[in-house]
Amino acid sequence: MFKYTIRRLLASMPVLFGVLAVTFALARAIPGDPCKAILGEKATVEVCERFIREKGLDKPIPVQFGIYLKDLARGDFGNSIRFGRPIVQILIERLPTTVELGLAGLFLACFIGIPLGIISALRYNSAIDMATMVWANIGVSMPIFWLGLMLAYVFALLLKDTPFWLPPSGRLSAGVVAIPFYEVYGWEVVEGTSLYRFLEFFANMYIFNSLITFDWEVLKDAITHLILPAAALSTIPMAIIARMTRSSMLQVLGLDYVRTARAKGLSERAVVLRHAFRNALLPVVTIVGLQLGVVFSGAILTETIFSLAGV
């Protein structure tokens, strides 16, 4: 297993190098003056020349690429043109939003997709099975951005004056403040230290923070704001998980040990949960792990639609 992992890592190195080279080349191929783009149109010639020397933009392209790789290896991604701050700091601040949304979407996908797959397998070729498969096929092909807009339109506009209204943007309502757990418990943490950034990461995950501080008002508000983006994000992985669960359950339900369990007089619940589902779980767990990439890549569009300050 260790040798296989090493081989896979070594095999991925040329691909990674190629991606970095293409990214570097595309950045250099963009028309315009990078100095003016970063420092602004009013930057003087002297300021631009100093900037070019400091960033090594006056050096040959291979040397610039070497500097680029060295900075990446050190975790130095430079400054954001939009915010004028180090990109690493922005990622640390915004990553909790993306992680919370991604985990919520994956939880919702498993919470609904797995039971649907089990029920569909147990009711094979029934109306429930056919309806589930039709929904799964539609869900796999559903664009996240379109679904997000439709959910916001229905629950934020059409149902505005009803109890089913849901907020279409943000993470918390105006006036609702999530106090970090380390402040609630009186921990003395020096701002700017590694410990502070570590604790701040979890404190910015509002659901986690409100659970360990028992702040039910913030918890309710955070979950309410998370329902629509999590629902939009979970649709594709939910459909995939439901189809895989159904397929795996159908294979297991036809095996001899399941028929033997039924012949011994075990209840259908015990046969399904204790014998069939337990052995059908391995492919489902594998596909759930693969959906992590789908969820976190889809989070970019979802955050844009619902105005979430994520990565």
Protein backbone atom coordinates (compact mmCIF):
# COMPACT_ATOMS: atom_id res chain seq x y z
CA MET A 1 0.00 0.00 0.00
CA PHE A 2 2.82 2.39 0.89
CA LYS A 3 4.68 1.65 -2.37
CA TYR A 4 1.47 2.12 -4.35
CA THR A 5 0.87 5.49 -2.68
CA ILE A 6 4.42 6.61 -3.45
CA ARG A 7 4.05 5.54 -7.09
CA ARG A 8 0.80 7.44 -7.42
CA LEU A 9 2.34 10.55 -5.89
CA LEU A 10 5.35 10.38 -8.20
CA ALA A 11 3.08 9.82 -11.21
CA SER A 12 1.08 12.92 -10.31
CA MET A 13 4.15 15.18 -10.16
CA PRO A 14 4.41 15.73 -13.96
CA VAL A 15 0.71 16.57 -14.06
CA LEU A 16 1.11 19.06 -11.22
CA PHE A 17 4.14 20.60 -12.87
CA GLY A 18 2.25 20.90 -16.15
CA VAL A 19 -0.71 22.59 -14.47
CA LEU A 20 1.59 25.09 -12.74
CA ALA A 21 3.41 25.78 -16.02
CA VAL A 22 0.15 26.39 -17.89
CA THR A 23 -1.15 28.63 -15.09
CA PHE A 24 2.07 30.64 -15.13
CA ALA A 25 1.99 30.94 -18.93
CA LEU A 26 -1.65 32.07 -18.98
CA ALA A 27 -0.95 34.72 -16.35
CA ARG A 28 1.94 36.05 -18.43
CA ALA A 29 -0.11 35.94 -21.64
CA ILE A 30 -2.82 38.26 -20.30
CA PRO A 31 -2.57 41.58 -22.17
CA GLY A 32 -1.87 44.75 -20.23
CA ASP A 33 0.67 46.10 -17.78
CA PRO A 34 0.79 44.06 -14.52
CA CYS A 35 2.21 47.07 -12.71
CA LYS A 36 -0.76 49.26 -13.66
CA ALA A 37 -3.19 46.46 -12.86
CA ILE A 38 -1.81 45.99 -9.34
CA LEU A 39 -0.68 49.50 -8.37
CA GLY A 40 -3.29 51.44 -10.31
CA GLU A 41 -3.23 53.71 -13.32
CA LYS A 42 -1.77 56.60 -11.32
CA ALA A 43 1.43 54.73 -10.43
CA THR A 44 4.53 56.65 -11.52
CA VAL A 45 7.26 55.23 -13.74
CA GLU A 46 9.70 55.07 -10.81
CA VAL A 47 7.21 53.13 -8.67
CA CYS A 48 6.51 50.70 -11.52
CA GLU A 49 10.22 50.11 -12.14
CA ARG A 50 10.83 49.39 -8.45
CA PHE A 51 7.83 47.05 -8.38
CA ILE A 52 9.13 45.17 -11.44
CA ARG A 53 12.57 44.74 -9.86
CA GLU A 54 11.13 43.58 -6.52
CA LYS A 55 8.88 40.98 -8.18
CA GLY A 56 11.58 39.81 -10.59
CA LEU A 57 9.50 40.70 -13.65
CA ASP A 58 12.59 42.05 -15.40
CA LYS A 59 14.26 38.61 -15.33
CA PRO A 60 14.03 35.92 -18.05
CA ILE A 61 10.85 33.83 -18.14
CA PRO A 62 12.52 30.61 -16.83
CA VAL A 63 13.89 32.55 -13.85
CA GLN A 64 10.46 34.06 -13.20
CA PHE A 65 8.95 30.58 -13.27
CA GLY A 66 11.55 29.39 -10.74
CA ILE A 67 10.66 32.30 -8.43
CA TYR A 68 6.99 31.42 -8.89
CA LEU A 69 7.59 27.79 -7.84
CA LYS A 70 9.74 28.85 -4.88
CA ASP A 71 7.04 31.21 -3.60
CA LEU A 72 4.38 28.52 -3.95
CA ALA A 73 6.54 26.04 -2.03
CA ARG A 74 6.86 28.57 0.82
CA GLY A 75 3.10 29.18 0.86
CA ASP A 76 3.51 32.72 -0.48
CA PHE A 77 0.67 33.30 -2.95
CA GLY A 78 1.27 37.03 -3.18
CA ASN A 79 -1.22 39.83 -2.59
CA SER A 80 -4.78 40.00 -3.86
CA ILE A 81 -5.31 42.62 -6.56
CA ARG A 82 -8.88 43.12 -5.39
CA PHE A 83 -8.33 43.36 -1.63
CA GLY A 84 -4.69 44.46 -1.49
CA ARG A 85 -3.90 41.90 1.22
CA PRO A 86 -1.94 38.63 1.32
CA ILE A 87 -3.94 35.85 -0.30
CA VAL A 88 -3.06 33.42 2.50
CA GLN A 89 -4.73 35.69 5.08
CA ILE A 90 -7.85 35.97 2.93
CA LEU A 91 -7.98 32.18 2.51
CA ILE A 92 -7.69 31.63 6.27
CA GLU A 93 -10.53 34.09 6.90
CA ARG A 94 -12.84 32.76 4.19
CA LEU A 95 -12.10 29.03 4.30
CA PRO A 96 -14.40 28.34 7.31
CA THR A 97 -17.39 29.53 5.27
CA THR A 98 -16.56 27.16 2.43
CA VAL A 99 -15.84 24.24 4.77
CA GLU A 100 -19.10 24.76 6.68
CA LEU A 101 -21.11 24.98 3.45
CA GLY A 102 -19.36 21.94 1.95
CA LEU A 103 -19.90 19.78 5.03
CA ALA A 104 -23.55 20.86 5.25
CA GLY A 105 -24.10 19.99 1.60
CA LEU A 106 -22.41 16.60 1.94
CA PHE A 107 -24.36 15.81 5.13
CA LEU A 108 -27.65 16.69 3.41
CA ALA A 109 -26.70 14.58 0.38
CA CYS A 110 -26.00 11.53 2.58
CA PHE A 111 -28.96 12.13 4.90
CA ILE A 112 -31.43 12.07 2.00
CA GLY A 113 -29.58 10.14 -0.72
CA ILE A 114 -28.77 6.97 1.26
CA PRO A 115 -32.33 6.36 2.59
CA LEU A 116 -33.75 7.08 -0.87
CA GLY A 117 -31.40 4.52 -2.40
CA ILE A 118 -32.34 1.89 0.19
CA ILE A 119 -36.08 2.46 -0.27
CA SER A 120 -35.71 2.40 -4.05
CA ALA A 121 -33.86 -0.94 -3.90
CA LEU A 122 -36.44 -2.47 -1.55
CA ARG A 123 -39.27 -1.30 -3.86
CA TYR A 124 -37.54 -2.35 -7.06
CA ASN A 125 -39.51 -1.56 -10.24
CA SER A 126 -42.25 0.14 -8.22
CA ALA A 127 -43.51 3.69 -8.71
CA ILE A 128 -41.25 4.83 -5.86
CA ASP A 129 -38.22 3.25 -7.52
CA MET A 130 -38.98 4.80 -10.89
CA ALA A 131 -39.68 8.23 -9.38
CA THR A 132 -36.41 8.08 -7.44
CA MET A 133 -34.41 7.18 -10.53
CA VAL A 134 -36.07 9.91 -12.60
CA TRP A 135 -35.27 12.42 -9.86
CA ALA A 136 -31.68 11.12 -9.62
CA ASN A 137 -31.13 11.45 -13.37
CA ILE A 138 -32.50 14.99 -13.31
CA GLY A 139 -30.46 15.86 -10.22
CA VAL A 140 -27.18 14.71 -11.77
CA SER A 141 -27.71 17.04 -14.74
CA MET A 142 -29.05 19.98 -12.73
CA PRO A 143 -26.81 23.09 -12.95
CA ILE A 144 -26.01 24.37 -9.47
CA PHE A 145 -26.23 28.03 -10.43
CA TRP A 146 -29.70 27.60 -11.98
CA LEU A 147 -31.01 25.57 -9.05
CA GLY A 148 -29.61 28.12 -6.59
CA LEU A 149 -31.34 30.98 -8.39
CA MET A 150 -34.64 29.07 -8.50
CA LEU A 151 -34.47 28.22 -4.79
CA ALA A 152 -33.75 31.85 -3.93
CA TYR A 153 -36.59 33.00 -6.18
CA VAL A 154 -39.13 30.60 -4.67
CA PHE A 155 -38.25 30.75 -0.98
CA ALA A 156 -37.08 34.37 -0.76
CA LEU A 157 -39.52 36.07 -3.15
CA LEU A 158 -42.60 33.95 -3.82
CA LEU A 159 -42.85 32.80 -0.18
CA LYS A 160 -41.77 36.14 1.28
CA ASP A 161 -44.80 36.66 3.55
CA THR A 162 -45.20 33.04 4.60
CA PRO A 163 -43.64 30.92 7.38
CA PHE A 164 -41.61 29.12 4.69
CA TRP A 165 -39.54 32.19 3.81
CA LEU A 166 -35.78 31.62 3.87
CA PRO A 167 -32.98 34.21 3.64
CA PRO A 168 -31.32 34.29 0.20
CA SER A 169 -27.94 35.71 1.22
CA GLY A 170 -25.43 36.05 4.03
CA ARG A 171 -24.57 33.80 6.94
CA LEU A 172 -26.30 35.62 9.81
CA SER A 173 -29.10 38.14 10.09
CA ALA A 174 -28.41 41.77 10.88
CA GLY A 175 -28.04 42.21 14.63
CA VAL A 176 -27.13 38.56 15.28
CA VAL A 177 -23.54 38.27 16.49
CA ALA A 178 -21.62 35.03 16.96
CA ILE A 179 -19.22 35.52 19.87
CA PRO A 180 -16.13 33.29 19.44
CA PHE A 181 -16.07 30.36 21.83
CA TYR A 182 -12.63 31.24 23.17
CA GLU A 183 -14.00 34.61 24.31
CA VAL A 184 -17.10 33.01 25.84
CA TYR A 185 -14.93 30.70 27.95
CA GLY A 186 -12.44 33.43 28.81
CA TRP A 187 -9.40 32.01 27.05
CA GLU A 188 -6.57 34.50 26.73
CA VAL A 189 -5.27 34.21 23.19
CA VAL A 190 -2.80 36.65 21.65
CA GLU A 191 -4.13 37.96 18.35
CA GLY A 192 -2.01 37.10 15.33
CA THR A 193 -0.46 33.95 16.78
CA SER A 194 -0.83 30.49 15.25
CA LEU A 195 -3.10 29.43 18.12
CA TYR A 196 -5.32 32.46 17.53
CA ARG A 197 -5.66 31.68 13.82
CA PHE A 198 -6.40 28.03 14.60
CA LEU A 199 -9.16 28.91 17.08
CA GLU A 200 -10.49 31.66 14.83
CA PHE A 201 -10.90 29.13 12.03
CA PHE A 202 -13.34 27.05 14.08
CA ALA A 203 -14.99 30.11 15.61
CA ASN A 204 -15.87 31.34 12.11
CA MET A 205 -17.79 28.12 11.50
CA TYR A 206 -20.91 29.52 13.12
CA ILE A 207 -22.78 26.25 13.59
CA PHE A 208 -19.83 24.62 15.37
CA ASN A 209 -19.20 27.77 17.41
CA SER A 210 -22.83 28.11 18.51
CA LEU A 211 -23.07 24.43 19.44
CA ILE A 212 -20.14 24.52 21.86
CA THR A 213 -21.25 27.89 23.31
CA PHE A 214 -24.92 26.77 23.57
CA ASP A 215 -26.02 29.89 21.69
CA TRP A 216 -29.27 28.57 20.25
CA GLU A 217 -30.29 31.88 18.67
CA VAL A 218 -27.15 32.01 16.55
CA LEU A 219 -27.46 28.28 15.78
CA LYS A 220 -31.02 28.68 14.50
CA ASP A 221 -30.12 31.75 12.45
CA ALA A 222 -27.00 30.13 10.96
CA ILE A 223 -28.90 26.96 9.96
CA THR A 224 -31.71 29.04 8.44
CA HIS A 225 -29.21 30.92 6.27
CA LEU A 226 -27.48 27.66 5.29
CA ILE A 227 -30.56 25.74 4.10
CA LEU A 228 -30.82 27.19 0.58
CA PRO A 229 -27.12 27.07 -0.37
CA ALA A 230 -26.71 23.60 1.15
CA ALA A 231 -29.78 22.35 -0.73
CA ALA A 232 -28.46 23.71 -4.03
CA LEU A 233 -25.00 22.30 -3.41
CA SER A 234 -26.19 18.84 -2.32
CA THR A 235 -28.41 18.04 -5.32
CA ILE A 236 -25.78 16.47 -7.60
CA PRO A 237 -23.96 14.40 -4.91
CA MET A 238 -27.33 13.42 -3.43
CA ALA A 239 -28.46 11.97 -6.76
CA ILE A 240 -25.16 10.12 -7.26
CA ILE A 241 -25.23 8.70 -3.73
CA ALA A 242 -28.85 7.57 -4.13
CA ARG A 243 -28.05 5.75 -7.39
CA MET A 244 -24.97 4.06 -5.93
CA THR A 245 -26.84 3.01 -2.77
CA ARG A 246 -29.66 1.54 -4.85
CA SER A 247 -27.26 -0.36 -7.12
CA SER A 248 -25.22 -1.73 -4.23
CA MET A 249 -28.31 -2.74 -2.26
CA LEU A 250 -29.81 -4.56 -5.25
CA GLN A 251 -26.64 -6.64 -5.60
CA VAL A 252 -26.53 -7.53 -1.91
CA LEU A 253 -30.25 -8.30 -1.53
CA GLY A 254 -29.93 -11.14 -4.04
CA LEU A 255 -27.09 -12.91 -2.23
CA ASP A 256 -27.47 -16.20 -0.34
CA TYR A 257 -26.78 -14.91 3.17
CA VAL A 258 -29.62 -12.37 2.86
CA ARG A 259 -32.05 -15.11 1.82
CA THR A 260 -30.75 -17.24 4.69
CA ALA A 261 -31.37 -14.41 7.16
CA ARG A 262 -34.94 -14.11 5.93
CA ALA A 263 -35.41 -17.89 6.10
CA LYS A 264 -34.36 -17.82 9.76
CA GLY A 265 -37.28 -15.53 10.49
CA LEU A 266 -35.41 -12.27 11.07
CA SER A 267 -37.45 -9.12 10.71
CA GLU A 268 -37.16 -7.19 7.45
CA ARG A 269 -35.63 -4.28 9.37
CA ALA A 270 -32.89 -6.54 10.78
CA VAL A 271 -32.24 -8.12 7.38
CA VAL A 272 -31.94 -4.75 5.65
CA LEU A 273 -29.93 -2.83 8.23
CA ARG A 274 -27.87 -5.55 9.89
CA HIS A 275 -27.08 -7.75 6.91
CA ALA A 276 -27.80 -6.07 3.57
CA PHE A 277 -26.94 -2.41 4.14
CA ARG A 278 -23.85 -3.15 6.22
CA ASN A 279 -22.33 -5.13 3.36
CA ALA A 280 -23.53 -2.68 0.70
CA LEU A 281 -21.94 0.26 2.49
CA LEU A 282 -18.38 -0.01 1.09
CA PRO A 283 -19.16 1.29 -2.44
CA VAL A 284 -21.37 3.98 -0.91
CA VAL A 285 -18.58 5.20 1.38
CA THR A 286 -16.22 5.26 -1.59
CA ILE A 287 -18.59 7.37 -3.68
CA VAL A 288 -19.24 9.71 -0.74
CA GLY A 289 -15.50 10.35 -0.49
CA LEU A 290 -15.37 11.14 -4.20
CA GLN A 291 -18.18 13.67 -3.78
CA LEU A 292 -15.98 15.85 -1.57
CA GLY A 293 -14.35 17.27 -4.68
CA VAL A 294 -17.74 17.85 -6.31
CA VAL A 295 -19.05 19.62 -3.23
CA PHE A 296 -16.11 21.95 -2.70
CA SER A 297 -15.80 22.81 -6.39
CA GLY A 298 -19.52 23.56 -6.54
CA ALA A 299 -19.24 25.70 -3.42
CA ILE A 300 -17.62 28.46 -5.50
CA LEU A 301 -20.76 28.97 -7.59
CA THR A 302 -23.04 28.52 -4.59
CA GLU A 303 -21.19 31.14 -2.56
CA THR A 304 -21.46 33.61 -5.43
CA ILE A 305 -25.21 33.09 -5.84
CA PHE A 306 -26.01 33.37 -2.13
CA SER A 307 -23.48 36.15 -1.36
CA LEU A 308 -21.38 34.08 1.02
CA ALA A 309 -17.87 35.35 1.76
CA GLY A 310 -16.13 32.07 1.04
CA VAL A 311 -13.03 31.08 -0.87
